[in-house]
Amino acid sequence: MPESASPAFMTELAEQIVDAVNLDIAASDIPPDEPLFGEQGLGLDSIDILEIALVISKRYGCQLRSDDANNAKIFASLRNLAEYVAAHRSK
């Protein structure tokens, strides 16, 4: 069973996202279940997702590949991303 992401870890990851793509909102204002990319939610694009994946890889040792068939699910929301990283991190 995958490790569940704690609220504290979701906040930490949200801070990484805000820093990675220079968002003009506070990490605490990112709703855990809202979409991260596309027209709804944060409105991030594919370049933003690449930047976030790079930060996650460096900080948590969790590899996110651009050709992963599960990326749409992984990046669907802060909660999904945090749960994936929590389950696959090596740092």
N, C-alpha and C. Protein backbone atom coordinates (compact mmCIF):
# COMPACT_ATOMS: atom_id res chain seq x y z
N MET A 1 0.85 -1.19 0.00
CA MET A 1 0.00 0.00 0.00
C MET A 1 0.89 1.25 0.00
N PRO A 2 0.65 2.19 -0.92
CA PRO A 2 1.50 3.38 -0.99
C PRO A 2 1.37 4.24 0.27
N GLU A 3 2.47 4.89 0.58
CA GLU A 3 2.48 5.79 1.73
C GLU A 3 1.58 6.98 1.43
N SER A 4 0.80 7.38 2.40
CA SER A 4 -0.07 8.54 2.23
C SER A 4 0.73 9.80 2.55
N ALA A 5 0.48 10.83 1.80
CA ALA A 5 1.19 12.09 2.01
C ALA A 5 0.53 12.85 3.16
N SER A 6 1.33 13.26 4.11
CA SER A 6 0.82 14.03 5.24
C SER A 6 0.51 15.46 4.80
N PRO A 7 -0.35 16.15 5.55
CA PRO A 7 -0.60 17.56 5.22
C PRO A 7 0.69 18.40 5.24
N ALA A 8 1.59 18.08 6.15
CA ALA A 8 2.86 18.82 6.22
C ALA A 8 3.69 18.59 4.96
N PHE A 9 3.68 17.35 4.45
CA PHE A 9 4.44 17.05 3.23
C PHE A 9 3.79 17.74 2.04
N MET A 10 2.46 17.78 1.99
CA MET A 10 1.79 18.47 0.88
C MET A 10 2.15 19.96 0.90
N THR A 11 2.22 20.55 2.08
CA THR A 11 2.61 21.96 2.19
C THR A 11 4.05 22.16 1.71
N GLU A 12 4.93 21.26 2.13
CA GLU A 12 6.34 21.34 1.70
C GLU A 12 6.43 21.24 0.17
N LEU A 13 5.70 20.31 -0.41
CA LEU A 13 5.72 20.14 -1.86
C LEU A 13 5.11 21.35 -2.56
N ALA A 14 4.05 21.90 -2.00
CA ALA A 14 3.44 23.11 -2.57
C ALA A 14 4.45 24.25 -2.58
N GLU A 15 5.26 24.37 -1.52
CA GLU A 15 6.30 25.40 -1.48
C GLU A 15 7.33 25.17 -2.59
N GLN A 16 7.66 23.92 -2.85
CA GLN A 16 8.60 23.60 -3.93
C GLN A 16 8.02 24.00 -5.28
N ILE A 17 6.73 23.76 -5.47
CA ILE A 17 6.06 24.13 -6.73
C ILE A 17 6.06 25.64 -6.91
N VAL A 18 5.68 26.37 -5.86
CA VAL A 18 5.65 27.84 -5.93
C VAL A 18 7.03 28.39 -6.30
N ASP A 19 8.08 27.85 -5.66
CA ASP A 19 9.44 28.31 -5.95
C ASP A 19 9.89 27.91 -7.35
N ALA A 20 9.57 26.69 -7.76
CA ALA A 20 10.04 26.17 -9.05
C ALA A 20 9.51 26.97 -10.23
N VAL A 21 8.25 27.39 -10.16
CA VAL A 21 7.65 28.08 -11.30
C VAL A 21 7.26 29.52 -10.99
N ASN A 22 7.79 30.05 -9.88
CA ASN A 22 7.58 31.45 -9.51
C ASN A 22 6.12 31.87 -9.51
N LEU A 23 5.29 31.10 -8.82
CA LEU A 23 3.87 31.44 -8.74
C LEU A 23 3.67 32.65 -7.84
N ASP A 24 2.63 33.41 -8.13
CA ASP A 24 2.30 34.59 -7.33
C ASP A 24 1.28 34.29 -6.25
N ILE A 25 1.25 33.05 -5.78
CA ILE A 25 0.34 32.70 -4.70
C ILE A 25 1.15 32.00 -3.61
N ALA A 26 0.58 31.98 -2.42
CA ALA A 26 1.23 31.29 -1.31
C ALA A 26 1.00 29.79 -1.45
N ALA A 27 1.97 29.02 -0.99
CA ALA A 27 1.84 27.56 -1.05
C ALA A 27 0.58 27.10 -0.34
N SER A 28 0.22 27.75 0.73
CA SER A 28 -0.97 27.37 1.50
C SER A 28 -2.26 27.64 0.73
N ASP A 29 -2.18 28.42 -0.35
CA ASP A 29 -3.37 28.72 -1.16
C ASP A 29 -3.59 27.72 -2.29
N ILE A 30 -2.71 26.72 -2.40
CA ILE A 30 -2.89 25.71 -3.44
C ILE A 30 -3.82 24.63 -2.88
N PRO A 31 -5.04 24.52 -3.43
CA PRO A 31 -5.96 23.51 -2.94
C PRO A 31 -5.43 22.11 -3.26
N PRO A 32 -5.48 21.18 -2.29
CA PRO A 32 -4.88 19.87 -2.51
C PRO A 32 -5.53 19.05 -3.62
N ASP A 33 -6.79 19.31 -3.93
CA ASP A 33 -7.47 18.48 -4.92
C ASP A 33 -7.83 19.20 -6.22
N GLU A 34 -7.35 20.43 -6.38
CA GLU A 34 -7.59 21.17 -7.62
C GLU A 34 -6.54 20.78 -8.66
N PRO A 35 -6.89 20.87 -9.94
CA PRO A 35 -5.92 20.53 -10.99
C PRO A 35 -4.69 21.44 -10.93
N LEU A 36 -3.52 20.86 -11.22
CA LEU A 36 -2.29 21.66 -11.25
C LEU A 36 -2.08 22.30 -12.61
N PHE A 37 -2.52 21.63 -13.67
CA PHE A 37 -2.28 22.19 -15.00
C PHE A 37 -3.56 22.27 -15.80
N GLY A 38 -3.49 22.99 -16.90
CA GLY A 38 -4.67 23.21 -17.72
C GLY A 38 -5.36 24.50 -17.32
N GLU A 39 -6.54 24.71 -17.84
CA GLU A 39 -7.25 25.97 -17.63
C GLU A 39 -7.84 26.11 -16.24
N GLN A 40 -8.08 25.01 -15.57
CA GLN A 40 -8.61 25.07 -14.21
C GLN A 40 -7.45 24.99 -13.23
N GLY A 41 -7.74 25.22 -11.98
CA GLY A 41 -6.70 25.09 -10.96
C GLY A 41 -5.60 26.12 -11.13
N LEU A 42 -4.34 25.66 -11.05
CA LEU A 42 -3.20 26.58 -11.14
C LEU A 42 -2.89 27.01 -12.55
N GLY A 43 -3.35 26.27 -13.54
CA GLY A 43 -3.12 26.65 -14.92
C GLY A 43 -1.68 26.44 -15.39
N LEU A 44 -0.97 25.49 -14.79
CA LEU A 44 0.40 25.23 -15.20
C LEU A 44 0.43 24.59 -16.59
N ASP A 45 1.55 24.76 -17.29
CA ASP A 45 1.69 24.15 -18.61
C ASP A 45 2.79 23.08 -18.57
N SER A 46 3.08 22.50 -19.72
CA SER A 46 4.04 21.40 -19.76
C SER A 46 5.45 21.83 -19.35
N ILE A 47 5.84 23.05 -19.64
CA ILE A 47 7.15 23.55 -19.22
C ILE A 47 7.20 23.65 -17.70
N ASP A 48 6.12 24.13 -17.09
CA ASP A 48 6.05 24.20 -15.63
C ASP A 48 6.18 22.81 -15.02
N ILE A 49 5.50 21.83 -15.62
CA ILE A 49 5.55 20.46 -15.11
C ILE A 49 6.98 19.94 -15.18
N LEU A 50 7.71 20.24 -16.26
CA LEU A 50 9.11 19.82 -16.37
C LEU A 50 9.96 20.45 -15.27
N GLU A 51 9.73 21.73 -15.00
CA GLU A 51 10.47 22.41 -13.92
C GLU A 51 10.18 21.77 -12.57
N ILE A 52 8.92 21.47 -12.32
CA ILE A 52 8.54 20.84 -11.05
C ILE A 52 9.16 19.45 -10.95
N ALA A 53 9.13 18.68 -12.04
CA ALA A 53 9.71 17.34 -12.03
C ALA A 53 11.20 17.40 -11.72
N LEU A 54 11.91 18.39 -12.25
CA LEU A 54 13.34 18.54 -11.99
C LEU A 54 13.60 18.83 -10.52
N VAL A 55 12.83 19.73 -9.94
CA VAL A 55 12.98 20.07 -8.52
C VAL A 55 12.70 18.84 -7.65
N ILE A 56 11.64 18.11 -7.97
CA ILE A 56 11.28 16.92 -7.20
C ILE A 56 12.39 15.88 -7.29
N SER A 57 12.93 15.71 -8.48
CA SER A 57 14.01 14.74 -8.67
C SER A 57 15.22 15.09 -7.82
N LYS A 58 15.61 16.35 -7.83
CA LYS A 58 16.78 16.79 -7.07
C LYS A 58 16.54 16.72 -5.57
N ARG A 59 15.38 17.15 -5.13
CA ARG A 59 15.13 17.24 -3.69
C ARG A 59 14.76 15.91 -3.05
N TYR A 60 13.98 15.12 -3.76
CA TYR A 60 13.44 13.89 -3.15
C TYR A 60 13.97 12.61 -3.78
N GLY A 61 14.75 12.72 -4.85
CA GLY A 61 15.27 11.52 -5.51
C GLY A 61 14.19 10.70 -6.18
N CYS A 62 13.10 11.33 -6.51
CA CYS A 62 11.95 10.67 -7.14
C CYS A 62 11.96 11.02 -8.62
N GLN A 63 12.15 10.01 -9.45
CA GLN A 63 12.22 10.26 -10.89
C GLN A 63 10.82 10.36 -11.50
N LEU A 64 10.58 11.45 -12.19
CA LEU A 64 9.34 11.66 -12.93
C LEU A 64 9.72 11.78 -14.40
N ARG A 65 9.34 10.81 -15.19
CA ARG A 65 9.73 10.78 -16.60
C ARG A 65 8.64 11.41 -17.47
N SER A 66 9.08 12.13 -18.50
CA SER A 66 8.12 12.80 -19.38
C SER A 66 7.28 11.80 -20.17
N ASP A 67 7.78 10.59 -20.36
CA ASP A 67 7.04 9.59 -21.13
C ASP A 67 6.24 8.61 -20.27
N ASP A 68 6.10 8.92 -18.97
CA ASP A 68 5.33 8.05 -18.08
C ASP A 68 3.84 8.18 -18.41
N ALA A 69 3.22 7.06 -18.67
CA ALA A 69 1.80 7.04 -19.02
C ALA A 69 0.92 7.53 -17.88
N ASN A 70 1.44 7.54 -16.65
CA ASN A 70 0.66 7.95 -15.49
C ASN A 70 0.80 9.43 -15.15
N ASN A 71 1.51 10.20 -15.95
CA ASN A 71 1.75 11.61 -15.62
C ASN A 71 0.47 12.41 -15.43
N ALA A 72 -0.52 12.18 -16.26
CA ALA A 72 -1.77 12.94 -16.12
C ALA A 72 -2.38 12.70 -14.75
N LYS A 73 -2.30 11.46 -14.26
CA LYS A 73 -2.83 11.15 -12.93
C LYS A 73 -1.92 11.71 -11.85
N ILE A 74 -0.60 11.54 -12.01
CA ILE A 74 0.36 12.00 -11.00
C ILE A 74 0.24 13.50 -10.80
N PHE A 75 0.15 14.25 -11.89
CA PHE A 75 0.10 15.72 -11.82
C PHE A 75 -1.32 16.27 -11.80
N ALA A 76 -2.31 15.42 -11.57
CA ALA A 76 -3.70 15.87 -11.57
C ALA A 76 -3.99 16.86 -10.45
N SER A 77 -3.31 16.69 -9.31
CA SER A 77 -3.54 17.57 -8.16
C SER A 77 -2.33 17.53 -7.24
N LEU A 78 -2.26 18.47 -6.34
CA LEU A 78 -1.20 18.49 -5.34
C LEU A 78 -1.23 17.20 -4.53
N ARG A 79 -2.40 16.74 -4.14
CA ARG A 79 -2.52 15.52 -3.35
C ARG A 79 -1.96 14.32 -4.12
N ASN A 80 -2.34 14.17 -5.39
CA ASN A 80 -1.84 13.05 -6.19
C ASN A 80 -0.32 13.11 -6.31
N LEU A 81 0.21 14.28 -6.58
CA LEU A 81 1.65 14.44 -6.73
C LEU A 81 2.36 14.13 -5.41
N ALA A 82 1.84 14.64 -4.31
CA ALA A 82 2.45 14.40 -3.00
C ALA A 82 2.42 12.92 -2.64
N GLU A 83 1.33 12.24 -2.94
CA GLU A 83 1.25 10.82 -2.63
C GLU A 83 2.22 10.02 -3.48
N TYR A 84 2.36 10.39 -4.75
CA TYR A 84 3.32 9.71 -5.63
C TYR A 84 4.75 9.91 -5.12
N VAL A 85 5.10 11.15 -4.81
CA VAL A 85 6.45 11.45 -4.34
C VAL A 85 6.72 10.76 -3.01
N ALA A 86 5.76 10.79 -2.09
CA ALA A 86 5.93 10.14 -0.79
C ALA A 86 6.20 8.65 -0.95
N ALA A 87 5.53 8.02 -1.92
CA ALA A 87 5.68 6.58 -2.13
C ALA A 87 6.96 6.23 -2.86
N HIS A 88 7.53 7.16 -3.64
CA HIS A 88 8.68 6.85 -4.50
C HIS A 88 9.95 7.60 -4.16
N ARG A 89 9.96 8.38 -3.12
CA ARG A 89 11.13 9.19 -2.80
C ARG A 89 12.26 8.32 -2.26
N SER A 90 13.48 8.77 -2.50
CA SER A 90 14.65 8.05 -1.98
C SER A 90 15.46 8.94 -1.02
N LYS A 91 15.04 10.19 -0.86
CA LYS A 91 15.73 11.13 0.04
C LYS A 91 14.78 11.62 1.11
